[in-house]
PDB file of N, CA and C in Angstrom:
ATOM      1  N   MET A   1       9.534  11.917 -10.108  1.00  0.00           N
ATOM      2  CA  MET A   1       9.652  10.477 -10.024  1.00  0.00           C
ATOM      3  C   MET A   1      10.420  10.103  -8.796  1.00  0.00           C
ATOM      4  N   LYS A   2       9.677   8.952  -8.035  1.00  0.00           N
ATOM      5  CA  LYS A   2      10.449   8.602  -7.225  1.00  0.00           C
ATOM      6  C   LYS A   2      11.741   7.411  -7.242  1.00  0.00           C
ATOM      7  N   ALA A   3      12.624   7.488  -6.282  1.00  0.00           N
ATOM      8  CA  ALA A   3      14.172   6.885  -6.401  1.00  0.00           C
ATOM      9  C   ALA A   3      13.830   5.534  -7.595  1.00  0.00           C
ATOM     10  N   GLY A   4      12.540   4.721  -7.037  1.00  0.00           N
ATOM     11  CA  GLY A   4      12.702   3.814  -7.813  1.00  0.00           C
ATOM     12  C   GLY A   4      12.280   3.468  -9.196  1.00  0.00           C
ATOM     13  N   GLY A   5      11.999   4.531  -9.840  1.00  0.00           N
ATOM     14  CA  GLY A   5      11.420   4.696 -10.893  1.00  0.00           C
ATOM     15  C   GLY A   5       9.947   4.728 -11.170  1.00  0.00           C
ATOM     16  N   HIS A   6       9.204   4.294 -10.092  1.00  0.00           N
ATOM     17  CA  HIS A   6       7.624   4.575 -10.263  1.00  0.00           C
ATOM     18  C   HIS A   6       7.467   5.998  -9.746  1.00  0.00           C
ATOM     19  N   ARG A   7       6.134   6.265 -10.684  1.00  0.00           N
ATOM     20  CA  ARG A   7       5.541   7.244 -10.703  1.00  0.00           C
ATOM     21  C   ARG A   7       4.347   7.111  -9.602  1.00  0.00           C
ATOM     22  N   PHE A   8       4.511   7.529  -8.337  1.00  0.00           N
ATOM     23  CA  PHE A   8       3.484   7.596  -7.534  1.00  0.00           C
ATOM     24  C   PHE A   8       3.578   8.375  -6.235  1.00  0.00           C
ATOM     25  N   LYS A   9       2.534   8.661  -5.934  1.00  0.00           N
ATOM     26  CA  LYS A   9       2.985   9.550  -4.592  1.00  0.00           C
ATOM     27  C   LYS A   9       3.327   8.536  -3.444  1.00  0.00           C
ATOM     28  N   ALA A  10       4.298   9.007  -2.503  1.00  0.00           N
ATOM     29  CA  ALA A  10       4.975   7.837  -1.779  1.00  0.00           C
ATOM     30  C   ALA A  10       4.099   8.266  -0.398  1.00  0.00           C
ATOM     31  N   LEU A  11       4.047   7.207   0.315  1.00  0.00           N
ATOM     32  CA  LEU A  11       2.959   7.508   1.828  1.00  0.00           C
ATOM     33  C   LEU A  11       3.662   8.722   2.187  1.00  0.00           C
ATOM     34  N   GLY A  12       4.579   8.947   2.657  1.00  0.00           N
ATOM     35  CA  GLY A  12       5.354   9.777   3.385  1.00  0.00           C
ATOM     36  C   GLY A  12       5.050  11.209   2.848  1.00  0.00           C
ATOM     37  N   THR A  13       5.105  11.627   1.408  1.00  0.00           N
ATOM     38  CA  THR A  13       5.024  12.789   1.138  1.00  0.00           C
ATOM     39  C   THR A  13       3.701  13.406   0.806  1.00  0.00           C
ATOM     40  N   VAL A  14       2.418  12.479   0.964  1.00  0.00           N
ATOM     41  CA  VAL A  14       1.570  13.004   0.555  1.00  0.00           C
ATOM     42  C   VAL A  14       0.919  13.886   1.670  1.00  0.00           C
ATOM     43  N   ALA A  15       0.954  13.717   2.792  1.00  0.00           N
ATOM     44  CA  ALA A  15       0.609  14.971   3.981  1.00  0.00           C
ATOM     45  C   ALA A  15       0.900  16.245   3.354  1.00  0.00           C
ATOM     46  N   VAL A  16       1.806  16.359   2.757  1.00  0.00           N
ATOM     47  CA  VAL A  16       2.583  17.720   2.466  1.00  0.00           C
ATOM     48  C   VAL A  16       1.918  18.021   1.164  1.00  0.00           C
ATOM     49  N   ARG A  17       1.407  17.457   0.299  1.00  0.00           N
ATOM     50  CA  ARG A  17       0.734  18.200  -0.819  1.00  0.00           C
ATOM     51  C   ARG A  17      -0.696  17.915  -0.953  1.00  0.00           C
ATOM     52  N   HIS A  18      -1.261  17.376   0.053  1.00  0.00           N
ATOM     53  CA  HIS A  18      -2.719  17.458   0.217  1.00  0.00           C
ATOM     54  C   HIS A  18      -3.356  17.280   1.568  1.00  0.00           C
ATOM     55  N   PRO A  19      -2.859  18.243   2.850  1.00  0.00           N
ATOM     56  CA  PRO A  19      -3.091  18.495   3.579  1.00  0.00           C
ATOM     57  C   PRO A  19      -4.837  18.503   4.132  1.00  0.00           C
ATOM     58  N   GLY A  20      -5.254  17.587   4.681  1.00  0.00           N
ATOM     59  CA  GLY A  20      -6.484  17.753   5.166  1.00  0.00           C
ATOM     60  C   GLY A  20      -7.577  16.805   3.812  1.00  0.00           C
ATOM     61  N   GLY A  21      -7.007  16.298   2.789  1.00  0.00           N
ATOM     62  CA  GLY A  21      -7.501  16.090   1.586  1.00  0.00           C
ATOM     63  C   GLY A  21      -8.260  14.782   1.478  1.00  0.00           C
ATOM     64  N   ALA A  22      -8.868  14.259   0.926  1.00  0.00           N
ATOM     65  CA  ALA A  22      -9.353  13.143   1.079  1.00  0.00           C
ATOM     66  C   ALA A  22      -8.362  11.822   0.890  1.00  0.00           C
ATOM     67  N   ALA A  23      -7.689  12.333  -0.131  1.00  0.00           N
ATOM     68  CA  ALA A  23      -6.089  11.369  -0.373  1.00  0.00           C
ATOM     69  C   ALA A  23      -5.838  11.174   0.726  1.00  0.00           C
ATOM     70  N   PHE A  24      -5.016  11.996   1.904  1.00  0.00           N
ATOM     71  CA  PHE A  24      -4.875  11.769   2.652  1.00  0.00           C
ATOM     72  C   PHE A  24      -5.525  11.113   3.867  1.00  0.00           C
ATOM     73  N   GLU A  25      -6.333  11.168   3.885  1.00  0.00           N
ATOM     74  CA  GLU A  25      -7.502  10.524   4.812  1.00  0.00           C
ATOM     75  C   GLU A  25      -7.548   8.766   4.561  1.00  0.00           C
ATOM     76  N   ARG A  26      -7.736   8.581   3.124  1.00  0.00           N
ATOM     77  CA  ARG A  26      -7.871   6.975   2.921  1.00  0.00           C
ATOM     78  C   ARG A  26      -6.182   6.886   3.074  1.00  0.00           C
ATOM     79  N   LEU A  27      -4.955   7.363   2.545  1.00  0.00           N
ATOM     80  CA  LEU A  27      -3.738   6.805   2.894  1.00  0.00           C
ATOM     81  C   LEU A  27      -3.601   6.620   4.552  1.00  0.00           C
ATOM     82  N   ALA A  28      -3.737   7.737   5.464  1.00  0.00           N
ATOM     83  CA  ALA A  28      -4.019   7.388   6.747  1.00  0.00           C
ATOM     84  C   ALA A  28      -5.134   6.162   7.395  1.00  0.00           C
ATOM     85  N   ILE A  29      -6.077   5.718   6.772  1.00  0.00           N
ATOM     86  CA  ILE A  29      -7.131   4.894   6.724  1.00  0.00           C
ATOM     87  C   ILE A  29      -6.112   3.376   6.498  1.00  0.00           C
ATOM     88  N   LEU A  30      -5.197   3.628   5.489  1.00  0.00           N
ATOM     89  CA  LEU A  30      -4.668   2.492   5.003  1.00  0.00           C
ATOM     90  C   LEU A  30      -3.829   1.999   5.625  1.00  0.00           C
ATOM     91  N   ASP A  31      -2.914   3.103   6.351  1.00  0.00           N
ATOM     92  CA  ASP A  31      -1.748   3.042   6.940  1.00  0.00           C
ATOM     93  C   ASP A  31      -1.953   2.252   8.207  1.00  0.00           C
ATOM     94  N   ARG A  32      -3.007   2.556   8.770  1.00  0.00           N
ATOM     95  CA  ARG A  32      -3.825   2.036   9.980  1.00  0.00           C
ATOM     96  C   ARG A  32      -3.930   0.756   9.966  1.00  0.00           C
ATOM     97  N   VAL A  33      -4.667   0.229   9.357  1.00  0.00           N
ATOM     98  CA  VAL A  33      -5.417  -1.027   8.794  1.00  0.00           C
ATOM     99  C   VAL A  33      -4.194  -1.774   8.075  1.00  0.00           C
ATOM    100  N   TRP A  34      -3.608  -1.366   7.650  1.00  0.00           N
ATOM    101  CA  TRP A  34      -1.872  -2.399   6.969  1.00  0.00           C
ATOM    102  C   TRP A  34      -1.330  -2.569   8.574  1.00  0.00           C
ATOM    103  N   GLU A  35      -1.010  -1.945   9.386  1.00  0.00           N
ATOM    104  CA  GLU A  35      -0.200  -2.047  10.478  1.00  0.00           C
ATOM    105  C   GLU A  35      -1.201  -2.921  11.108  1.00  0.00           C
ATOM    106  N   ARG A  36      -2.535  -2.597  11.527  1.00  0.00           N
ATOM    107  CA  ARG A  36      -3.396  -3.907  12.280  1.00  0.00           C
ATOM    108  C   ARG A  36      -3.227  -5.114  11.523  1.00  0.00           C
ATOM    109  N   LEU A  37      -3.752  -5.210  10.313  1.00  0.00           N
ATOM    110  CA  LEU A  37      -3.605  -6.813   9.265  1.00  0.00           C
ATOM    111  C   LEU A  37      -2.212  -7.508   9.186  1.00  0.00           C
ATOM    112  N   TYR A  38      -1.038  -6.713   9.074  1.00  0.00           N
ATOM    113  CA  TYR A  38      -0.014  -7.241   8.572  1.00  0.00           C
ATOM    114  C   TYR A  38       1.325  -6.377   9.191  1.00  0.00           C
ATOM    115  N   GLY A  39       0.863  -6.003  10.371  1.00  0.00           N
ATOM    116  CA  GLY A  39       2.245  -5.194  10.991  1.00  0.00           C
ATOM    117  C   GLY A  39       3.241  -6.470  11.821  1.00  0.00           C
ATOM    118  N   HIS A  40       2.575  -7.840  11.461  1.00  0.00           N
ATOM    119  CA  HIS A  40       3.390  -8.829  12.291  1.00  0.00           C
ATOM    120  C   HIS A  40       4.199  -9.002  11.186  1.00  0.00           C
ATOM    121  N   ARG A  41       4.323  -8.759   9.749  1.00  0.00           N
ATOM    122  CA  ARG A  41       5.026  -9.126   8.728  1.00  0.00           C
ATOM    123  C   ARG A  41       6.110  -7.594   8.131  1.00  0.00           C
ATOM    124  N   VAL A  42       6.197  -6.924   8.999  1.00  0.00           N
ATOM    125  CA  VAL A  42       6.744  -5.379   9.157  1.00  0.00           C
ATOM    126  C   VAL A  42       8.605  -5.581   8.166  1.00  0.00           C
ATOM    127  N   ARG A  43       8.992  -6.785   8.882  1.00  0.00           N
ATOM    128  CA  ARG A  43      10.409  -7.276   7.989  1.00  0.00           C
ATOM    129  C   ARG A  43      10.267  -7.508   6.717  1.00  0.00           C
ATOM    130  N   LEU A  44       9.174  -8.013   6.724  1.00  0.00           N
ATOM    131  CA  LEU A  44       9.099  -8.442   4.960  1.00  0.00           C
ATOM    132  C   LEU A  44       8.739  -7.691   4.240  1.00  0.00           C
ATOM    133  N   TRP A  45       7.333  -6.824   4.780  1.00  0.00           N
ATOM    134  CA  TRP A  45       6.430  -5.982   3.539  1.00  0.00           C
ATOM    135  C   TRP A  45       6.613  -4.803   3.825  1.00  0.00           C
ATOM    136  N   LYS A  46       6.695  -3.434   3.439  1.00  0.00           N
ATOM    137  CA  LYS A  46       6.649  -2.243   3.762  1.00  0.00           C
ATOM    138  C   LYS A  46       6.001  -1.349   2.996  1.00  0.00           C
ATOM    139  N   LEU A  47       4.613  -0.522   3.373  1.00  0.00           N
ATOM    140  CA  LEU A  47       3.864  -0.320   2.161  1.00  0.00           C
ATOM    141  C   LEU A  47       4.960   1.134   1.826  1.00  0.00           C
ATOM    142  N   ASP A  48       4.545   1.346   0.182  1.00  0.00           N
ATOM    143  CA  ASP A  48       5.850   2.205  -0.526  1.00  0.00           C
ATOM    144  C   ASP A  48       4.869   3.280  -1.033  1.00  0.00           C
ATOM    145  N   GLY A  49       3.922   2.818  -1.292  1.00  0.00           N
ATOM    146  CA  GLY A  49       2.947   4.161  -2.135  1.00  0.00           C
ATOM    147  C   GLY A  49       1.652   3.794  -2.815  1.00  0.00           C
ATOM    148  N   VAL A  50       1.219   4.580  -3.447  1.00  0.00           N
ATOM    149  CA  VAL A  50      -0.344   4.076  -3.975  1.00  0.00           C
ATOM    150  C   VAL A  50      -0.634   5.295  -5.365  1.00  0.00           C
ATOM    151  N   GLN A  51      -0.661   4.479  -6.461  1.00  0.00           N
ATOM    152  CA  GLN A  51      -1.186   5.334  -7.492  1.00  0.00           C
ATOM    153  C   GLN A  51      -2.122   4.675  -8.525  1.00  0.00           C
ATOM    154  N   GLY A  52      -3.216   5.535  -8.703  1.00  0.00           N
ATOM    155  CA  GLY A  52      -4.365   4.852  -9.407  1.00  0.00           C
ATOM    156  C   GLY A  52      -4.878   3.602  -9.343  1.00  0.00           C
ATOM    157  N   GLY A  53      -5.077   3.175  -7.905  1.00  0.00           N
ATOM    158  CA  GLY A  53      -5.784   2.122  -7.684  1.00  0.00           C
ATOM    159  C   GLY A  53      -4.967   0.980  -7.081  1.00  0.00           C
ATOM    160  N   THR A  54      -3.406   1.290  -7.513  1.00  0.00           N
ATOM    161  CA  THR A  54      -2.356   0.297  -7.382  1.00  0.00           C
ATOM    162  C   THR A  54      -1.836   0.460  -6.058  1.00  0.00           C
ATOM    163  N   LEU A  55      -1.551  -0.758  -5.368  1.00  0.00           N
ATOM    164  CA  LEU A  55      -0.437  -0.506  -3.955  1.00  0.00           C
ATOM    165  C   LEU A  55       0.593  -1.267  -3.873  1.00  0.00           C
ATOM    166  N   TYR A  56       1.978  -0.211  -4.054  1.00  0.00           N
ATOM    167  CA  TYR A  56       2.971  -0.810  -4.199  1.00  0.00           C
ATOM    168  C   TYR A  56       3.598  -1.056  -2.606  1.00  0.00           C
ATOM    169  N   VAL A  57       4.341  -2.122  -2.668  1.00  0.00           N
ATOM    170  CA  VAL A  57       4.507  -2.771  -1.251  1.00  0.00           C
ATOM    171  C   VAL A  57       5.662  -3.099  -1.436  1.00  0.00           C
ATOM    172  N   LYS A  58       7.195  -2.748  -0.526  1.00  0.00           N
ATOM    173  CA  LYS A  58       8.344  -2.987  -0.734  1.00  0.00           C
ATOM    174  C   LYS A  58       8.749  -4.543  -0.073  1.00  0.00           C
ATOM    175  N   THR A  59       9.312  -5.570  -0.804  1.00  0.00           N
ATOM    176  CA  THR A  59       9.348  -6.478   0.164  1.00  0.00           C
ATOM    177  C   THR A  59      10.909  -6.963   0.181  1.00  0.00           C
ATOM    178  N   SER A  60      11.130  -7.808   1.441  1.00  0.00           N
ATOM    179  CA  SER A  60      12.453  -7.805   1.457  1.00  0.00           C
ATOM    180  C   SER A  60      13.439  -8.914   0.810  1.00  0.00           C
ATOM    181  N   SER A  61      12.665  -9.581   0.334  1.00  0.00           N
ATOM    182  CA  SER A  61      13.255 -10.837  -0.827  1.00  0.00           C
ATOM    183  C   SER A  61      12.412 -11.375  -1.583  1.00  0.00           C
ATOM    184  N   PRO A  62      12.687 -12.167  -2.766  1.00  0.00           N
ATOM    185  CA  PRO A  62      12.017 -12.982  -3.614  1.00  0.00           C
ATOM    186  C   PRO A  62      10.990 -13.938  -2.843  1.00  0.00           C
ATOM    187  N   ALA A  63      11.458 -14.331  -1.739  1.00  0.00           N
ATOM    188  CA  ALA A  63      10.181 -15.166  -1.293  1.00  0.00           C
ATOM    189  C   ALA A  63       9.167 -14.364  -0.424  1.00  0.00           C
ATOM    190  N   ALA A  64       9.469 -13.099  -0.019  1.00  0.00           N
ATOM    191  CA  ALA A  64       8.111 -12.373   0.514  1.00  0.00           C
ATOM    192  C   ALA A  64       7.790 -11.763  -0.456  1.00  0.00           C
ATOM    193  N   ALA A  65       8.435 -11.751  -1.905  1.00  0.00           N
ATOM    194  CA  ALA A  65       7.180 -10.825  -2.749  1.00  0.00           C
ATOM    195  C   ALA A  65       6.389 -11.908  -3.229  1.00  0.00           C
ATOM    196  N   GLN A  66       6.897 -13.380  -3.252  1.00  0.00           N
ATOM    197  CA  GLN A  66       6.021 -14.300  -3.979  1.00  0.00           C
ATOM    198  C   GLN A  66       4.805 -14.434  -2.640  1.00  0.00           C
ATOM    199  N   GLU A  67       5.383 -14.418  -1.493  1.00  0.00           N
ATOM    200  CA  GLU A  67       4.002 -14.736  -0.832  1.00  0.00           C
ATOM    201  C   GLU A  67       2.973 -13.292  -0.980  1.00  0.00           C
ATOM    202  N   LEU A  68       3.492 -12.325  -1.037  1.00  0.00           N
ATOM    203  CA  LEU A  68       2.415 -11.248  -1.290  1.00  0.00           C
ATOM    204  C   LEU A  68       1.758 -11.566  -2.616  1.00  0.00           C
ATOM    205  N   ARG A  69       2.711 -11.862  -3.449  1.00  0.00           N
ATOM    206  CA  ARG A  69       1.119 -12.265  -4.676  1.00  0.00           C
ATOM    207  C   ARG A  69       0.264 -13.328  -4.390  1.00  0.00           C
ATOM    208  N   MET A  70       0.440 -14.603  -3.911  1.00  0.00           N
ATOM    209  CA  MET A  70       0.053 -15.503  -3.335  1.00  0.00           C
ATOM    210  C   MET A  70      -1.028 -14.698  -2.786  1.00  0.00           C
ATOM    211  N   MET A  71      -0.949 -13.961  -1.822  1.00  0.00           N
ATOM    212  CA  MET A  71      -2.170 -13.378  -0.516  1.00  0.00           C
ATOM    213  C   MET A  71      -3.086 -12.322  -1.565  1.00  0.00           C
ATOM    214  N   ALA A  72      -2.294 -11.552  -2.298  1.00  0.00           N
ATOM    215  CA  ALA A  72      -2.643 -10.533  -2.702  1.00  0.00           C
ATOM    216  C   ALA A  72      -4.346 -10.265  -3.296  1.00  0.00           C
ATOM    217  N   PRO A  73      -5.102 -11.509  -3.806  1.00  0.00           N
ATOM    218  CA  PRO A  73      -6.486 -11.173  -3.830  1.00  0.00           C
ATOM    219  C   PRO A  73      -7.257 -11.285  -2.624  1.00  0.00           C
ATOM    220  N   ALA A  74      -6.674 -11.714  -1.507  1.00  0.00           N
ATOM    221  CA  ALA A  74      -7.595 -11.646  -0.382  1.00  0.00           C
ATOM    222  C   ALA A  74      -6.874 -10.792   0.392  1.00  0.00           C
ATOM    223  N   MET A  75      -5.753  -9.999   0.480  1.00  0.00           N
ATOM    224  CA  MET A  75      -5.577  -9.066   1.006  1.00  0.00           C
ATOM    225  C   MET A  75      -6.276  -7.470   0.545  1.00  0.00           C
ATOM    226  N   ILE A  76      -6.566  -7.636  -0.958  1.00  0.00           N
ATOM    227  CA  ILE A  76      -6.797  -6.672  -1.816  1.00  0.00           C
ATOM    228  C   ILE A  76      -8.502  -6.651  -1.036  1.00  0.00           C
ATOM    229  N   LYS A  77      -9.352  -7.874  -0.950  1.00  0.00           N
ATOM    230  CA  LYS A  77     -10.710  -7.540  -0.613  1.00  0.00           C
ATOM    231  C   LYS A  77     -10.358  -6.977   1.076  1.00  0.00           C
ATOM    232  N   GLU A  78      -9.680  -7.412   1.726  1.00  0.00           N
ATOM    233  CA  GLU A  78      -9.735  -7.276   3.163  1.00  0.00           C
ATOM    234  C   GLU A  78      -9.572  -5.981   3.501  1.00  0.00           C
ATOM    235  N   LEU A  79      -8.349  -5.564   2.699  1.00  0.00           N
ATOM    236  CA  LEU A  79      -8.316  -4.038   2.633  1.00  0.00           C
ATOM    237  C   LEU A  79      -9.195  -2.902   2.553  1.00  0.00           C
ATOM    238  N   ASN A  80      -9.963  -3.173   1.158  1.00  0.00           N
ATOM    239  CA  ASN A  80     -11.180  -2.594   0.477  1.00  0.00           C
ATOM    240  C   ASN A  80     -12.508  -2.226   1.552  1.00  0.00           C
ATOM    241  N   LYS A  81     -12.461  -3.112   2.297  1.00  0.00           N
ATOM    242  CA  LYS A  81     -13.885  -3.001   3.584  1.00  0.00           C
ATOM    243  C   LYS A  81     -13.715  -2.041   4.592  1.00  0.00           C
ATOM    244  N   HIS A  82     -12.881  -1.370   4.566  1.00  0.00           N
ATOM    245  CA  HIS A  82     -12.349  -0.322   4.896  1.00  0.00           C
ATOM    246  C   HIS A  82     -12.673   0.919   4.371  1.00  0.00           C
ATOM    247  N   PHE A  83     -12.966   1.251   3.031  1.00  0.00           N
ATOM    248  CA  PHE A  83     -13.239   1.957   2.524  1.00  0.00           C
ATOM    249  C   PHE A  83     -14.544   2.250   1.848  1.00  0.00           C
ATOM    250  N   GLN A  84     -15.441   3.413   1.728  1.00  0.00           N
ATOM    251  CA  GLN A  84     -16.700   3.183   1.490  1.00  0.00           C
ATOM    252  C   GLN A  84     -16.747   2.556  -0.012  1.00  0.00           C
ATOM    253  N   ARG A  85     -15.894   2.794  -0.812  1.00  0.00           N
ATOM    254  CA  ARG A  85     -15.475   2.249  -2.013  1.00  0.00           C
ATOM    255  C   ARG A  85     -14.427   1.503  -2.500  1.00  0.00           C
ATOM    256  N   ALA A  86     -14.114   0.334  -3.176  1.00  0.00           N
ATOM    257  CA  ALA A  86     -13.011  -0.365  -3.411  1.00  0.00           C
ATOM    258  C   ALA A  86     -11.994   0.761  -3.814  1.00  0.00           C
ATOM    259  N   TRP A  87     -11.266   1.304  -3.176  1.00  0.00           N
ATOM    260  CA  TRP A  87      -9.972   1.806  -3.673  1.00  0.00           C
ATOM    261  C   TRP A  87      -8.874   1.030  -4.317  1.00  0.00           C
ATOM    262  N   ILE A  88      -8.520   0.254  -3.545  1.00  0.00           N
ATOM    263  CA  ILE A  88      -7.088  -0.711  -4.297  1.00  0.00           C
ATOM    264  C   ILE A  88      -7.477  -1.642  -4.787  1.00  0.00           C
ATOM    265  N   ARG A  89      -7.040  -1.698  -5.795  1.00  0.00           N
ATOM    266  CA  ARG A  89      -7.556  -2.679  -7.412  1.00  0.00           C
ATOM    267  C   ARG A  89      -6.457  -3.909  -7.656  1.00  0.00           C
ATOM    268  N   ILE A  90      -5.366  -3.591  -7.690  1.00  0.00           N
ATOM    269  CA  ILE A  90      -4.059  -4.225  -7.698  1.00  0.00           C
ATOM    270  C   ILE A  90      -2.975  -4.093  -6.392  1.00  0.00           C
ATOM    271  N   LEU A  91      -2.230  -5.016  -6.295  1.00  0.00           N
ATOM    272  CA  LEU A  91      -1.332  -4.888  -5.471  1.00  0.00           C
ATOM    273  C   LEU A  91       0.106  -5.717  -5.889  1.00  0.00           C
ATOM    274  N   LYS A  92       1.077  -4.931  -5.954  1.00  0.00           N
ATOM    275  CA  LYS A  92       2.642  -5.217  -6.285  1.00  0.00           C
ATOM    276  C   LYS A  92       3.181  -4.831  -5.812  1.00  0.00           C
ATOM    277  N   ALA A  93       4.393  -6.111  -5.889  1.00  0.00           N
ATOM    278  CA  ALA A  93       5.681  -6.206  -5.419  1.00  0.00           C
ATOM    279  C   ALA A  93       6.781  -5.461  -5.496  1.00  0.00           C
ATOM    280  N   VAL A  94       7.316  -4.751  -4.923  1.00  0.00           N
ATOM    281  CA  VAL A  94       8.359  -3.727  -5.353  1.00  0.00           C
ATOM    282  C   VAL A  94       9.557  -4.292  -4.618  1.00  0.00           C
ATOM    283  N   PRO A  95      10.894  -4.486  -5.284  1.00  0.00           N
ATOM    284  CA  PRO A  95      12.315  -4.647  -4.850  1.00  0.00           C
ATOM    285  C   PRO A  95      12.862  -3.945  -3.954  1.00  0.00           C
TER     286      PRO A  95
END
């Protein structure tokens, strides 16, 4: 279990568990797309992990978490454009 109490694979450790696998490829794509689309908000939002279609994003403040929640539907739609099938269903802010 990850330090925050969440059960999911952290982006930094998936490469070790699944070298060259499809899950790693999706995470690599997600990381590049996230950086390109939302890199300007790097101080506010940081990818934390993915589990079962839920994307966890660390937020720097309650205001950043609120902004993320408001933008989540559009963000999910934009992120899923980069995959063959819709992969991200839920976007959650993690303090």
